[in-house]
Amino acid sequence: MELEWAGIPAVAIVHEAFVAAAKATAAVSGMQDYEFVVVPYPVAPPGEWTDEEIDLVAKQVAPAVARRLSRDH
């Protein structure tokens, strides 16, 4: 969100388990409408990802990240 405040397009990728915390952070930061890219279950939380899971998640979220970064800001 700090990058967005600085005018730099950015994307927050959030594991489904942390969506509520991410939304709360966005709300107290004055960005309650901030759009996250969510990584759904069954993928484990990020701290537990293997290299293979990182590759899989990257392939899954890349289209949403590209769409979010290419929007007019």
PDB file of N, CA and C in Angstrom:
ATOM      1  N   MET A   1       0.810  -1.179   0.000  1.00  0.00           N
ATOM      2  CA  MET A   1       0.000   0.000   0.000  1.00  0.00           C
ATOM      3  C   MET A   1       0.861   1.254   0.000  1.00  0.00           C
ATOM      4  N   GLU A   2       2.003   1.176   0.646  1.00  0.00           N
ATOM      5  CA  GLU A   2       2.893   2.340   0.645  1.00  0.00           C
ATOM      6  C   GLU A   2       3.393   2.652  -0.759  1.00  0.00           C
ATOM      7  N   LEU A   3       3.627   1.635  -1.565  1.00  0.00           N
ATOM      8  CA  LEU A   3       4.014   1.868  -2.955  1.00  0.00           C
ATOM      9  C   LEU A   3       2.887   2.564  -3.707  1.00  0.00           C
ATOM     10  N   GLU A   4       1.663   2.122  -3.486  1.00  0.00           N
ATOM     11  CA  GLU A   4       0.514   2.755  -4.129  1.00  0.00           C
ATOM     12  C   GLU A   4       0.416   4.226  -3.713  1.00  0.00           C
ATOM     13  N   TRP A   5       0.630   4.519  -2.437  1.00  0.00           N
ATOM     14  CA  TRP A   5       0.598   5.909  -1.960  1.00  0.00           C
ATOM     15  C   TRP A   5       1.644   6.751  -2.690  1.00  0.00           C
ATOM     16  N   ALA A   6       2.772   6.116  -3.036  1.00  0.00           N
ATOM     17  CA  ALA A   6       3.857   6.827  -3.716  1.00  0.00           C
ATOM     18  C   ALA A   6       3.623   6.895  -5.230  1.00  0.00           C
ATOM     19  N   GLY A   7       2.473   6.376  -5.690  1.00  0.00           N
ATOM     20  CA  GLY A   7       2.162   6.418  -7.113  1.00  0.00           C
ATOM     21  C   GLY A   7       2.762   5.284  -7.916  1.00  0.00           C
ATOM     22  N   ILE A   8       3.267   4.270  -7.229  1.00  0.00           N
ATOM     23  CA  ILE A   8       3.874   3.120  -7.898  1.00  0.00           C
ATOM     24  C   ILE A   8       2.874   1.969  -7.874  1.00  0.00           C
ATOM     25  N   PRO A   9       2.419   1.519  -9.045  1.00  0.00           N
ATOM     26  CA  PRO A   9       1.477   0.395  -9.065  1.00  0.00           C
ATOM     27  C   PRO A   9       2.067  -0.826  -8.353  1.00  0.00           C
ATOM     28  N   ALA A  10       1.271  -1.435  -7.510  1.00  0.00           N
ATOM     29  CA  ALA A  10       1.729  -2.590  -6.743  1.00  0.00           C
ATOM     30  C   ALA A  10       0.564  -3.552  -6.548  1.00  0.00           C
ATOM     31  N   VAL A  11       0.885  -4.774  -6.207  1.00  0.00           N
ATOM     32  CA  VAL A  11      -0.129  -5.786  -5.958  1.00  0.00           C
ATOM     33  C   VAL A  11       0.232  -6.519  -4.675  1.00  0.00           C
ATOM     34  N   ALA A  12      -0.739  -6.644  -3.790  1.00  0.00           N
ATOM     35  CA  ALA A  12      -0.554  -7.454  -2.592  1.00  0.00           C
ATOM     36  C   ALA A  12      -1.117  -8.838  -2.885  1.00  0.00           C
ATOM     37  N   ILE A  13      -0.284  -9.836  -2.709  1.00  0.00           N
ATOM     38  CA  ILE A  13      -0.710 -11.224  -2.876  1.00  0.00           C
ATOM     39  C   ILE A  13      -0.878 -11.781  -1.472  1.00  0.00           C
ATOM     40  N   VAL A  14      -2.116 -12.196  -1.158  1.00  0.00           N
ATOM     41  CA  VAL A  14      -2.462 -12.573   0.205  1.00  0.00           C
ATOM     42  C   VAL A  14      -3.000 -14.002   0.231  1.00  0.00           C
ATOM     43  N   HIS A  15      -2.489 -14.808   1.138  1.00  0.00           N
ATOM     44  CA  HIS A  15      -3.031 -16.149   1.323  1.00  0.00           C
ATOM     45  C   HIS A  15      -4.422 -16.021   1.926  1.00  0.00           C
ATOM     46  N   GLU A  16      -5.309 -16.892   1.524  1.00  0.00           N
ATOM     47  CA  GLU A  16      -6.696 -16.863   1.981  1.00  0.00           C
ATOM     48  C   GLU A  16      -6.790 -16.773   3.511  1.00  0.00           C
ATOM     49  N   ALA A  17      -5.869 -17.386   4.219  1.00  0.00           N
ATOM     50  CA  ALA A  17      -5.896 -17.371   5.680  1.00  0.00           C
ATOM     51  C   ALA A  17      -5.654 -15.983   6.253  1.00  0.00           C
ATOM     52  N   PHE A  18      -5.098 -15.076   5.459  1.00  0.00           N
ATOM     53  CA  PHE A  18      -4.749 -13.745   5.949  1.00  0.00           C
ATOM     54  C   PHE A  18      -5.582 -12.622   5.339  1.00  0.00           C
ATOM     55  N   VAL A  19      -6.647 -12.966   4.627  1.00  0.00           N
ATOM     56  CA  VAL A  19      -7.459 -11.945   3.970  1.00  0.00           C
ATOM     57  C   VAL A  19      -8.068 -10.982   4.989  1.00  0.00           C
ATOM     58  N   ALA A  20      -8.609 -11.499   6.071  1.00  0.00           N
ATOM     59  CA  ALA A  20      -9.234 -10.619   7.075  1.00  0.00           C
ATOM     60  C   ALA A  20      -8.214  -9.622   7.629  1.00  0.00           C
ATOM     61  N   ALA A  21      -7.014 -10.082   7.923  1.00  0.00           N
ATOM     62  CA  ALA A  21      -5.973  -9.192   8.443  1.00  0.00           C
ATOM     63  C   ALA A  21      -5.563  -8.173   7.389  1.00  0.00           C
ATOM     64  N   ALA A  22      -5.466  -8.595   6.142  1.00  0.00           N
ATOM     65  CA  ALA A  22      -5.088  -7.681   5.065  1.00  0.00           C
ATOM     66  C   ALA A  22      -6.159  -6.614   4.858  1.00  0.00           C
ATOM     67  N   LYS A  23      -7.435  -7.016   4.911  1.00  0.00           N
ATOM     68  CA  LYS A  23      -8.522  -6.048   4.771  1.00  0.00           C
ATOM     69  C   LYS A  23      -8.523  -5.055   5.926  1.00  0.00           C
ATOM     70  N   ALA A  24      -8.256  -5.534   7.125  1.00  0.00           N
ATOM     71  CA  ALA A  24      -8.205  -4.641   8.279  1.00  0.00           C
ATOM     72  C   ALA A  24      -7.060  -3.644   8.129  1.00  0.00           C
ATOM     73  N   THR A  25      -5.927  -4.108   7.673  1.00  0.00           N
ATOM     74  CA  THR A  25      -4.779  -3.223   7.457  1.00  0.00           C
ATOM     75  C   THR A  25      -5.113  -2.175   6.398  1.00  0.00           C
ATOM     76  N   ALA A  26      -5.749  -2.603   5.321  1.00  0.00           N
ATOM     77  CA  ALA A  26      -6.136  -1.663   4.270  1.00  0.00           C
ATOM     78  C   ALA A  26      -7.118  -0.626   4.804  1.00  0.00           C
ATOM     79  N   ALA A  27      -8.071  -1.067   5.598  1.00  0.00           N
ATOM     80  CA  ALA A  27      -9.072  -0.149   6.128  1.00  0.00           C
ATOM     81  C   ALA A  27      -8.453   0.909   7.040  1.00  0.00           C
ATOM     82  N   VAL A  28      -7.585   0.499   7.947  1.00  0.00           N
ATOM     83  CA  VAL A  28      -6.974   1.487   8.851  1.00  0.00           C
ATOM     84  C   VAL A  28      -5.967   2.369   8.116  1.00  0.00           C
ATOM     85  N   SER A  29      -5.569   1.944   6.927  1.00  0.00           N
ATOM     86  CA  SER A  29      -4.651   2.742   6.107  1.00  0.00           C
ATOM     87  C   SER A  29      -5.397   3.672   5.156  1.00  0.00           C
ATOM     88  N   GLY A  30      -6.730   3.660   5.247  1.00  0.00           N
ATOM     89  CA  GLY A  30      -7.522   4.514   4.381  1.00  0.00           C
ATOM     90  C   GLY A  30      -7.689   3.983   2.978  1.00  0.00           C
ATOM     91  N   MET A  31      -7.420   2.702   2.773  1.00  0.00           N
ATOM     92  CA  MET A  31      -7.534   2.094   1.443  1.00  0.00           C
ATOM     93  C   MET A  31      -8.477   0.897   1.508  1.00  0.00           C
ATOM     94  N   GLN A  32      -9.663   1.110   2.084  1.00  0.00           N
ATOM     95  CA  GLN A  32     -10.599   0.007   2.291  1.00  0.00           C
ATOM     96  C   GLN A  32     -11.018  -0.698   1.015  1.00  0.00           C
ATOM     97  N   ASP A  33     -10.858  -0.061  -0.134  1.00  0.00           N
ATOM     98  CA  ASP A  33     -11.220  -0.687  -1.411  1.00  0.00           C
ATOM     99  C   ASP A  33     -10.030  -1.325  -2.121  1.00  0.00           C
ATOM    100  N   TYR A  34      -8.883  -1.412  -1.450  1.00  0.00           N
ATOM    101  CA  TYR A  34      -7.688  -1.985  -2.063  1.00  0.00           C
ATOM    102  C   TYR A  34      -7.974  -3.424  -2.481  1.00  0.00           C
ATOM    103  N   GLU A  35      -7.607  -3.756  -3.705  1.00  0.00           N
ATOM    104  CA  GLU A  35      -7.852  -5.102  -4.235  1.00  0.00           C
ATOM    105  C   GLU A  35      -6.619  -5.981  -4.046  1.00  0.00           C
ATOM    106  N   PHE A  36      -6.823  -7.122  -3.419  1.00  0.00           N
ATOM    107  CA  PHE A  36      -5.757  -8.093  -3.211  1.00  0.00           C
ATOM    108  C   PHE A  36      -5.886  -9.212  -4.224  1.00  0.00           C
ATOM    109  N   VAL A  37      -4.786  -9.860  -4.519  1.00  0.00           N
ATOM    110  CA  VAL A  37      -4.817 -11.115  -5.256  1.00  0.00           C
ATOM    111  C   VAL A  37      -4.706 -12.193  -4.186  1.00  0.00           C
ATOM    112  N   VAL A  38      -5.688 -13.084  -4.154  1.00  0.00           N
ATOM    113  CA  VAL A  38      -5.765 -14.071  -3.072  1.00  0.00           C
ATOM    114  C   VAL A  38      -5.314 -15.440  -3.563  1.00  0.00           C
ATOM    115  N   VAL A  39      -4.457 -16.063  -2.764  1.00  0.00           N
ATOM    116  CA  VAL A  39      -4.023 -17.443  -2.993  1.00  0.00           C
ATOM    117  C   VAL A  39      -4.931 -18.319  -2.133  1.00  0.00           C
ATOM    118  N   PRO A  40      -5.771 -19.151  -2.772  1.00  0.00           N
ATOM    119  CA  PRO A  40      -6.728 -19.950  -1.999  1.00  0.00           C
ATOM    120  C   PRO A  40      -6.119 -21.225  -1.427  1.00  0.00           C
ATOM    121  N   TYR A  41      -6.835 -21.802  -0.444  1.00  0.00           N
ATOM    122  CA  TYR A  41      -6.497 -23.141  -0.004  1.00  0.00           C
ATOM    123  C   TYR A  41      -6.690 -24.058  -1.189  1.00  0.00           C
ATOM    124  N   PRO A  42      -6.030 -25.170  -1.322  1.00  0.00           N
ATOM    125  CA  PRO A  42      -5.327 -25.907  -0.290  1.00  0.00           C
ATOM    126  C   PRO A  42      -3.849 -25.573  -0.143  1.00  0.00           C
ATOM    127  N   VAL A  43      -3.375 -24.550  -0.792  1.00  0.00           N
ATOM    128  CA  VAL A  43      -1.962 -24.195  -0.667  1.00  0.00           C
ATOM    129  C   VAL A  43      -1.679 -23.799   0.779  1.00  0.00           C
ATOM    130  N   ALA A  44      -0.587 -24.289   1.305  1.00  0.00           N
ATOM    131  CA  ALA A  44      -0.188 -23.984   2.683  1.00  0.00           C
ATOM    132  C   ALA A  44       0.176 -22.506   2.808  1.00  0.00           C
ATOM    133  N   PRO A  45       0.237 -21.976   4.043  1.00  0.00           N
ATOM    134  CA  PRO A  45       0.681 -20.594   4.215  1.00  0.00           C
ATOM    135  C   PRO A  45       2.069 -20.393   3.600  1.00  0.00           C
ATOM    136  N   PRO A  46       2.365 -19.168   3.122  1.00  0.00           N
ATOM    137  CA  PRO A  46       3.603 -18.909   2.374  1.00  0.00           C
ATOM    138  C   PRO A  46       4.889 -19.361   3.054  1.00  0.00           C
ATOM    139  N   GLY A  47       4.977 -19.279   4.353  1.00  0.00           N
ATOM    140  CA  GLY A  47       6.201 -19.679   5.042  1.00  0.00           C
ATOM    141  C   GLY A  47       6.520 -21.155   4.911  1.00  0.00           C
ATOM    142  N   GLU A  48       5.552 -21.920   4.445  1.00  0.00           N
ATOM    143  CA  GLU A  48       5.731 -23.367   4.321  1.00  0.00           C
ATOM    144  C   GLU A  48       5.855 -23.836   2.873  1.00  0.00           C
ATOM    145  N   TRP A  49       5.868 -22.907   1.903  1.00  0.00           N
ATOM    146  CA  TRP A  49       5.878 -23.287   0.498  1.00  0.00           C
ATOM    147  C   TRP A  49       7.195 -23.939   0.081  1.00  0.00           C
ATOM    148  N   THR A  50       7.059 -24.976  -0.726  1.00  0.00           N
ATOM    149  CA  THR A  50       8.223 -25.587  -1.367  1.00  0.00           C
ATOM    150  C   THR A  50       8.494 -24.817  -2.658  1.00  0.00           C
ATOM    151  N   ASP A  51       9.616 -25.077  -3.287  1.00  0.00           N
ATOM    152  CA  ASP A  51       9.918 -24.434  -4.567  1.00  0.00           C
ATOM    153  C   ASP A  51       8.846 -24.761  -5.607  1.00  0.00           C
ATOM    154  N   GLU A  52       8.358 -25.999  -5.583  1.00  0.00           N
ATOM    155  CA  GLU A  52       7.324 -26.401  -6.532  1.00  0.00           C
ATOM    156  C   GLU A  52       6.029 -25.640  -6.284  1.00  0.00           C
ATOM    157  N   GLU A  53       5.673 -25.436  -5.014  1.00  0.00           N
ATOM    158  CA  GLU A  53       4.458 -24.685  -4.695  1.00  0.00           C
ATOM    159  C   GLU A  53       4.601 -23.213  -5.094  1.00  0.00           C
ATOM    160  N   ILE A  54       5.783 -22.655  -4.927  1.00  0.00           N
ATOM    161  CA  ILE A  54       6.020 -21.278  -5.349  1.00  0.00           C
ATOM    162  C   ILE A  54       5.784 -21.151  -6.851  1.00  0.00           C
ATOM    163  N   ASP A  55       6.312 -22.081  -7.627  1.00  0.00           N
ATOM    164  CA  ASP A  55       6.099 -22.069  -9.075  1.00  0.00           C
ATOM    165  C   ASP A  55       4.616 -22.189  -9.413  1.00  0.00           C
ATOM    166  N   LEU A  56       3.912 -23.086  -8.742  1.00  0.00           N
ATOM    167  CA  LEU A  56       2.489 -23.296  -8.996  1.00  0.00           C
ATOM    168  C   LEU A  56       1.687 -22.045  -8.665  1.00  0.00           C
ATOM    169  N   VAL A  57       1.941 -21.470  -7.511  1.00  0.00           N
ATOM    170  CA  VAL A  57       1.216 -20.262  -7.096  1.00  0.00           C
ATOM    171  C   VAL A  57       1.510 -19.118  -8.056  1.00  0.00           C
ATOM    172  N   ALA A  58       2.758 -18.960  -8.442  1.00  0.00           N
ATOM    173  CA  ALA A  58       3.122 -17.883  -9.375  1.00  0.00           C
ATOM    174  C   ALA A  58       2.341 -18.021 -10.683  1.00  0.00           C
ATOM    175  N   LYS A  59       2.241 -19.235 -11.191  1.00  0.00           N
ATOM    176  CA  LYS A  59       1.494 -19.462 -12.432  1.00  0.00           C
ATOM    177  C   LYS A  59       0.004 -19.187 -12.237  1.00  0.00           C
ATOM    178  N   GLN A  60      -0.519 -19.494 -11.053  1.00  0.00           N
ATOM    179  CA  GLN A  60      -1.940 -19.282 -10.784  1.00  0.00           C
ATOM    180  C   GLN A  60      -2.280 -17.801 -10.644  1.00  0.00           C
ATOM    181  N   VAL A  61      -1.424 -17.034  -9.990  1.00  0.00           N
ATOM    182  CA  VAL A  61      -1.768 -15.637  -9.701  1.00  0.00           C
ATOM    183  C   VAL A  61      -1.262 -14.663 -10.757  1.00  0.00           C
ATOM    184  N   ALA A  62      -0.364 -15.088 -11.628  1.00  0.00           N
ATOM    185  CA  ALA A  62       0.230 -14.175 -12.613  1.00  0.00           C
ATOM    186  C   ALA A  62      -0.806 -13.422 -13.439  1.00  0.00           C
ATOM    187  N   PRO A  63      -1.853 -14.078 -13.958  1.00  0.00           N
ATOM    188  CA  PRO A  63      -2.833 -13.313 -14.743  1.00  0.00           C
ATOM    189  C   PRO A  63      -3.523 -12.210 -13.932  1.00  0.00           C
ATOM    190  N   ALA A  64      -3.886 -12.501 -12.696  1.00  0.00           N
ATOM    191  CA  ALA A  64      -4.542 -11.497 -11.847  1.00  0.00           C
ATOM    192  C   ALA A  64      -3.584 -10.365 -11.500  1.00  0.00           C
ATOM    193  N   VAL A  65      -2.333 -10.689 -11.258  1.00  0.00           N
ATOM    194  CA  VAL A  65      -1.334  -9.661 -10.963  1.00  0.00           C
ATOM    195  C   VAL A  65      -1.136  -8.762 -12.180  1.00  0.00           C
ATOM    196  N   ALA A  66      -1.036  -9.362 -13.350  1.00  0.00           N
ATOM    197  CA  ALA A  66      -0.861  -8.578 -14.578  1.00  0.00           C
ATOM    198  C   ALA A  66      -2.047  -7.656 -14.811  1.00  0.00           C
ATOM    199  N   ARG A  67      -3.267  -8.161 -14.613  1.00  0.00           N
ATOM    200  CA  ARG A  67      -4.469  -7.331 -14.769  1.00  0.00           C
ATOM    201  C   ARG A  67      -4.444  -6.157 -13.792  1.00  0.00           C
ATOM    202  N   ARG A  68      -4.097  -6.444 -12.551  1.00  0.00           N
ATOM    203  CA  ARG A  68      -4.085  -5.395 -11.510  1.00  0.00           C
ATOM    204  C   ARG A  68      -3.036  -4.344 -11.826  1.00  0.00           C
ATOM    205  N   LEU A  69      -1.872  -4.747 -12.287  1.00  0.00           N
ATOM    206  CA  LEU A  69      -0.806  -3.780 -12.600  1.00  0.00           C
ATOM    207  C   LEU A  69      -1.083  -2.988 -13.857  1.00  0.00           C
ATOM    208  N   SER A  70      -1.884  -3.526 -14.763  1.00  0.00           N
ATOM    209  CA  SER A  70      -2.129  -2.823 -16.010  1.00  0.00           C
ATOM    210  C   SER A  70      -3.329  -1.887 -15.952  1.00  0.00           C
ATOM    211  N   ARG A  71      -4.031  -1.856 -14.817  1.00  0.00           N
ATOM    212  CA  ARG A  71      -5.150  -0.924 -14.660  1.00  0.00           C
ATOM    213  C   ARG A  71      -4.629   0.505 -14.610  1.00  0.00           C
ATOM    214  N   ASP A  72      -5.470   1.421 -14.995  1.00  0.00           N
ATOM    215  CA  ASP A  72      -5.116   2.842 -14.839  1.00  0.00           C
ATOM    216  C   ASP A  72      -5.164   3.174 -13.360  1.00  0.00           C
ATOM    217  N   HIS A  73      -4.152   3.850 -12.887  1.00  0.00           N
ATOM    218  CA  HIS A  73      -4.102   4.229 -11.472  1.00  0.00           C
ATOM    219  C   HIS A  73      -4.279   5.716 -11.337  1.00  0.00           C
TER     220      HIS A  73
END
